Amino acid sequence: MQFTEAKIGRVFILRLHDGDHLPEVLEKFAEEHYIQSALCFLVGGVRGKSRVVVGPRDEEALPPEPVVTLLSGASEVAGLGTIFVNEKNKPKLHMHASFGRGKKTITGCVRMGVDIWHIGEVVILELGNGETKRAVDAKTGFEFLEVG
């Protein structure tokens, strides 16, 4: 385990609009507001045909091949994520969310593209004073969080 200590900095409250696309809209916002690290909360709705990563096809294969599922219709969403800058100093969102429609729920990562359906509310808690950065891992291709 690695760790660093951080303080809560600015707090942003965002209303996303119909069709706004994650992760791009949050990464662009973070870049425009010089957010280096943050915690993000998402509630609202997402459009059907949004693409969600729901795991690796084979957990032993490296690099892993993602299993991607399409949401079958507009769904409720509750998500939690982080933003940290990568090796190029660009903010990168890592968010997992649960999507519900009827009695069916899908949980996964939004990295392949999720579109807001009419309502999206995000609270971003900026984290300051921590020493963090995302760096590409050669074996997996993931951008792992490096601390310290």
C-alpha atoms as a PDB file:
ATOM      1  CA  MET A   1       0.000   0.000   0.000  1.00  0.00           C
ATOM      2  CA  GLN A   2       1.079   3.548  -0.701  1.00  0.00           C
ATOM      3  CA  PHE A   3      -0.550   6.670   0.688  1.00  0.00           C
ATOM      4  CA  THR A   4      -0.403  10.413   0.868  1.00  0.00           C
ATOM      5  CA  GLU A   5      -2.360  12.906   2.909  1.00  0.00           C
ATOM      6  CA  ALA A   6      -4.558  15.487   1.205  1.00  0.00           C
ATOM      7  CA  LYS A   7      -6.850  18.332   2.181  1.00  0.00           C
ATOM      8  CA  ILE A   8     -10.221  19.166   0.669  1.00  0.00           C
ATOM      9  CA  GLY A   9      -9.909  22.234  -1.514  1.00  0.00           C
ATOM     10  CA  ARG A  10     -12.586  23.759  -3.707  1.00  0.00           C
ATOM     11  CA  VAL A  11     -16.013  22.163  -4.083  1.00  0.00           C
ATOM     12  CA  PHE A  12     -17.745  22.286  -7.474  1.00  0.00           C
ATOM     13  CA  ILE A  13     -21.397  21.491  -8.139  1.00  0.00           C
ATOM     14  CA  LEU A  14     -22.186  20.733 -11.777  1.00  0.00           C
ATOM     15  CA  ARG A  15     -25.459  20.301 -13.597  1.00  0.00           C
ATOM     16  CA  LEU A  16     -24.820  18.197 -16.671  1.00  0.00           C
ATOM     17  CA  HIS A  17     -27.120  18.552 -19.663  1.00  0.00           C
ATOM     18  CA  ASP A  18     -28.868  16.074 -21.893  1.00  0.00           C
ATOM     19  CA  GLY A  19     -26.306  14.382 -24.111  1.00  0.00           C
ATOM     20  CA  ASP A  20     -23.216  15.440 -22.136  1.00  0.00           C
ATOM     21  CA  HIS A  21     -20.641  12.678 -22.537  1.00  0.00           C
ATOM     22  CA  LEU A  22     -18.594  11.129 -19.745  1.00  0.00           C
ATOM     23  CA  PRO A  23     -15.696  10.977 -19.161  1.00  0.00           C
ATOM     24  CA  GLU A  24     -14.842  13.871 -21.524  1.00  0.00           C
ATOM     25  CA  VAL A  25     -17.105  16.521 -19.977  1.00  0.00           C
ATOM     26  CA  LEU A  26     -15.614  16.046 -16.493  1.00  0.00           C
ATOM     27  CA  GLU A  27     -12.023  15.820 -17.740  1.00  0.00           C
ATOM     28  CA  LYS A  28     -12.487  19.034 -19.749  1.00  0.00           C
ATOM     29  CA  PHE A  29     -14.014  20.780 -16.730  1.00  0.00           C
ATOM     30  CA  ALA A  30     -11.109  19.643 -14.540  1.00  0.00           C
ATOM     31  CA  GLU A  31      -8.584  20.904 -17.078  1.00  0.00           C
ATOM     32  CA  GLU A  32     -10.319  24.290 -17.416  1.00  0.00           C
ATOM     33  CA  HIS A  33     -10.403  24.721 -13.622  1.00  0.00           C
ATOM     34  CA  TYR A  34      -6.875  23.402 -12.961  1.00  0.00           C
ATOM     35  CA  ILE A  35      -8.087  20.431 -10.898  1.00  0.00           C
ATOM     36  CA  GLN A  36      -5.160  18.046 -10.346  1.00  0.00           C
ATOM     37  CA  SER A  37      -6.903  15.598  -8.029  1.00  0.00           C
ATOM     38  CA  ALA A  38     -10.495  15.190  -6.890  1.00  0.00           C
ATOM     39  CA  LEU A  39     -13.279  12.936  -5.699  1.00  0.00           C
ATOM     40  CA  CYS A  40     -16.457  12.925  -7.864  1.00  0.00           C
ATOM     41  CA  PHE A  41     -20.047  11.904  -7.132  1.00  0.00           C
ATOM     42  CA  LEU A  42     -22.638  11.439  -9.905  1.00  0.00           C
ATOM     43  CA  VAL A  43     -26.426  11.021  -9.731  1.00  0.00           C
ATOM     44  CA  GLY A  44     -29.019  11.262 -12.475  1.00  0.00           C
ATOM     45  CA  GLY A  45     -29.868   9.442 -15.672  1.00  0.00           C
ATOM     46  CA  VAL A  46     -27.948   8.062 -18.630  1.00  0.00           C
ATOM     47  CA  ARG A  47     -29.032   7.227 -22.155  1.00  0.00           C
ATOM     48  CA  GLY A  48     -29.448   3.757 -23.554  1.00  0.00           C
ATOM     49  CA  LYS A  49     -26.585   2.677 -25.815  1.00  0.00           C
ATOM     50  CA  SER A  50     -24.105   4.069 -23.281  1.00  0.00           C
ATOM     51  CA  ARG A  51     -21.076   1.777 -23.096  1.00  0.00           C
ATOM     52  CA  VAL A  52     -20.028   0.366 -19.733  1.00  0.00           C
ATOM     53  CA  VAL A  53     -16.962  -1.778 -18.979  1.00  0.00           C
ATOM     54  CA  VAL A  54     -18.149  -4.658 -16.804  1.00  0.00           C
ATOM     55  CA  GLY A  55     -14.921  -6.583 -16.319  1.00  0.00           C
ATOM     56  CA  PRO A  56     -12.068  -8.291 -18.119  1.00  0.00           C
ATOM     57  CA  ARG A  57     -12.906 -11.117 -20.534  1.00  0.00           C
ATOM     58  CA  ASP A  58     -10.175 -13.282 -18.936  1.00  0.00           C
ATOM     59  CA  GLU A  59      -8.796 -12.169 -15.578  1.00  0.00           C
ATOM     60  CA  GLU A  60      -5.472 -13.889 -16.253  1.00  0.00           C
ATOM     61  CA  ALA A  61      -4.777 -12.343 -19.697  1.00  0.00           C
ATOM     62  CA  LEU A  62      -2.454  -9.327 -19.886  1.00  0.00           C
ATOM     63  CA  PRO A  63      -3.158  -6.821 -21.111  1.00  0.00           C
ATOM     64  CA  PRO A  64      -6.789  -7.452 -20.192  1.00  0.00           C
ATOM     65  CA  GLU A  65      -9.498  -7.333 -22.851  1.00  0.00           C
ATOM     66  CA  PRO A  66     -12.466  -5.341 -21.515  1.00  0.00           C
ATOM     67  CA  VAL A  67     -16.002  -6.725 -21.566  1.00  0.00           C
ATOM     68  CA  VAL A  68     -18.241  -3.886 -22.719  1.00  0.00           C
ATOM     69  CA  THR A  69     -22.013  -3.850 -22.410  1.00  0.00           C
ATOM     70  CA  LEU A  70     -24.523  -1.406 -23.887  1.00  0.00           C
ATOM     71  CA  LEU A  71     -27.271  -0.114 -21.645  1.00  0.00           C
ATOM     72  CA  SER A  72     -30.615  -1.158 -23.109  1.00  0.00           C
ATOM     73  CA  GLY A  73     -32.485   2.049 -22.333  1.00  0.00           C
ATOM     74  CA  ALA A  74     -32.443   5.197 -20.255  1.00  0.00           C
ATOM     75  CA  SER A  75     -31.255   4.233 -16.776  1.00  0.00           C
ATOM     76  CA  GLU A  76     -30.824   5.725 -13.340  1.00  0.00           C
ATOM     77  CA  VAL A  77     -27.199   6.211 -12.311  1.00  0.00           C
ATOM     78  CA  ALA A  78     -25.229   6.594  -9.090  1.00  0.00           C
ATOM     79  CA  GLY A  79     -21.467   6.822  -9.493  1.00  0.00           C
ATOM     80  CA  LEU A  80     -18.286   7.497  -7.601  1.00  0.00           C
ATOM     81  CA  GLY A  81     -14.940   8.354  -9.110  1.00  0.00           C
ATOM     82  CA  THR A  82     -11.624  10.119  -8.886  1.00  0.00           C
ATOM     83  CA  ILE A  83      -9.759  12.555 -11.073  1.00  0.00           C
ATOM     84  CA  PHE A  84      -5.966  12.570 -11.102  1.00  0.00           C
ATOM     85  CA  VAL A  85      -3.611  13.969 -13.718  1.00  0.00           C
ATOM     86  CA  ASN A  86      -1.716  11.536 -15.923  1.00  0.00           C
ATOM     87  CA  GLU A  87       1.903  11.592 -17.047  1.00  0.00           C
ATOM     88  CA  LYS A  88       1.040  14.386 -19.509  1.00  0.00           C
ATOM     89  CA  ASN A  89      -0.559  16.434 -16.696  1.00  0.00           C
ATOM     90  CA  LYS A  90      -4.041  15.909 -18.179  1.00  0.00           C
ATOM     91  CA  PRO A  91      -6.901  15.155 -15.760  1.00  0.00           C
ATOM     92  CA  LYS A  92      -8.211  11.592 -16.135  1.00  0.00           C
ATOM     93  CA  LEU A  93     -11.495  10.371 -14.651  1.00  0.00           C
ATOM     94  CA  HIS A  94     -11.814   6.879 -13.176  1.00  0.00           C
ATOM     95  CA  MET A  95     -15.470   6.361 -12.272  1.00  0.00           C
ATOM     96  CA  HIS A  96     -17.506   3.283 -11.504  1.00  0.00           C
ATOM     97  CA  ALA A  97     -21.274   3.532 -11.431  1.00  0.00           C
ATOM     98  CA  SER A  98     -24.399   1.448 -11.024  1.00  0.00           C
ATOM     99  CA  PHE A  99     -27.060   1.809 -13.697  1.00  0.00           C
ATOM    100  CA  GLY A 100     -30.617   0.689 -12.979  1.00  0.00           C
ATOM    101  CA  ARG A 101     -33.601   0.152 -15.269  1.00  0.00           C
ATOM    102  CA  GLY A 102     -36.620  -1.735 -13.994  1.00  0.00           C
ATOM    103  CA  LYS A 103     -35.368  -4.662 -11.956  1.00  0.00           C
ATOM    104  CA  LYS A 104     -32.017  -4.850 -13.772  1.00  0.00           C
ATOM    105  CA  THR A 105     -28.813  -3.239 -12.491  1.00  0.00           C
ATOM    106  CA  ILE A 106     -25.442  -3.075 -14.215  1.00  0.00           C
ATOM    107  CA  THR A 107     -22.307  -1.852 -12.458  1.00  0.00           C
ATOM    108  CA  GLY A 108     -19.165  -0.885 -14.299  1.00  0.00           C
ATOM    109  CA  CYS A 109     -16.651   1.720 -15.426  1.00  0.00           C
ATOM    110  CA  VAL A 110     -17.737   4.709 -17.543  1.00  0.00           C
ATOM    111  CA  ARG A 111     -14.440   4.966 -19.477  1.00  0.00           C
ATOM    112  CA  MET A 112     -15.911   3.764 -22.810  1.00  0.00           C
ATOM    113  CA  GLY A 113     -18.538   6.503 -22.883  1.00  0.00           C
ATOM    114  CA  VAL A 114     -21.747   7.309 -21.047  1.00  0.00           C
ATOM    115  CA  ASP A 115     -24.245   9.945 -22.199  1.00  0.00           C
ATOM    116  CA  ILE A 116     -26.411  11.884 -19.760  1.00  0.00           C
ATOM    117  CA  TRP A 117     -30.185  11.533 -20.148  1.00  0.00           C
ATOM    118  CA  HIS A 118     -31.789  14.864 -19.186  1.00  0.00           C
ATOM    119  CA  ILE A 119     -30.391  15.069 -15.658  1.00  0.00           C
ATOM    120  CA  GLY A 120     -26.885  14.678 -14.346  1.00  0.00           C
ATOM    121  CA  GLU A 121     -25.630  16.136 -11.096  1.00  0.00           C
ATOM    122  CA  VAL A 122     -21.971  15.965 -10.136  1.00  0.00           C
ATOM    123  CA  VAL A 123     -20.216  17.138  -7.005  1.00  0.00           C
ATOM    124  CA  ILE A 124     -16.442  17.435  -7.289  1.00  0.00           C
ATOM    125  CA  LEU A 125     -14.363  17.691  -4.116  1.00  0.00           C
ATOM    126  CA  GLU A 126     -10.921  18.934  -5.052  1.00  0.00           C
ATOM    127  CA  LEU A 127      -8.081  17.321  -3.139  1.00  0.00           C
ATOM    128  CA  GLY A 128      -5.011  19.402  -2.438  1.00  0.00           C
ATOM    129  CA  ASN A 129      -1.537  18.846  -1.021  1.00  0.00           C
ATOM    130  CA  GLY A 130      -1.405  15.177  -1.984  1.00  0.00           C
ATOM    131  CA  GLU A 131       1.309  13.782  -4.225  1.00  0.00           C
ATOM    132  CA  THR A 132      -0.513  11.720  -6.845  1.00  0.00           C
ATOM    133  CA  LYS A 133      -0.365  11.004 -10.557  1.00  0.00           C
ATOM    134  CA  ARG A 134      -1.704   8.374 -12.961  1.00  0.00           C
ATOM    135  CA  ALA A 135       0.982   6.406 -14.831  1.00  0.00           C
ATOM    136  CA  VAL A 136       0.556   3.777 -17.540  1.00  0.00           C
ATOM    137  CA  ASP A 137       1.460   0.278 -16.401  1.00  0.00           C
ATOM    138  CA  ALA A 138       3.284  -1.614 -19.194  1.00  0.00           C
ATOM    139  CA  LYS A 139       1.770  -5.040 -18.331  1.00  0.00           C
ATOM    140  CA  THR A 140      -1.890  -4.075 -18.057  1.00  0.00           C
ATOM    141  CA  GLY A 141      -2.165  -0.822 -20.006  1.00  0.00           C
ATOM    142  CA  PHE A 142      -4.065   0.652 -17.043  1.00  0.00           C
ATOM    143  CA  GLU A 143      -3.273   4.121 -15.768  1.00  0.00           C
ATOM    144  CA  PHE A 144      -2.492   3.237 -12.167  1.00  0.00           C
ATOM    145  CA  LEU A 145      -2.457   5.788  -9.390  1.00  0.00           C
ATOM    146  CA  GLU A 146       1.049   6.529  -8.144  1.00  0.00           C
ATOM    147  CA  VAL A 147       1.290   8.005  -4.701  1.00  0.00           C
ATOM    148  CA  GLY A 148       4.175   9.880  -3.116  1.00  0.00           C
END
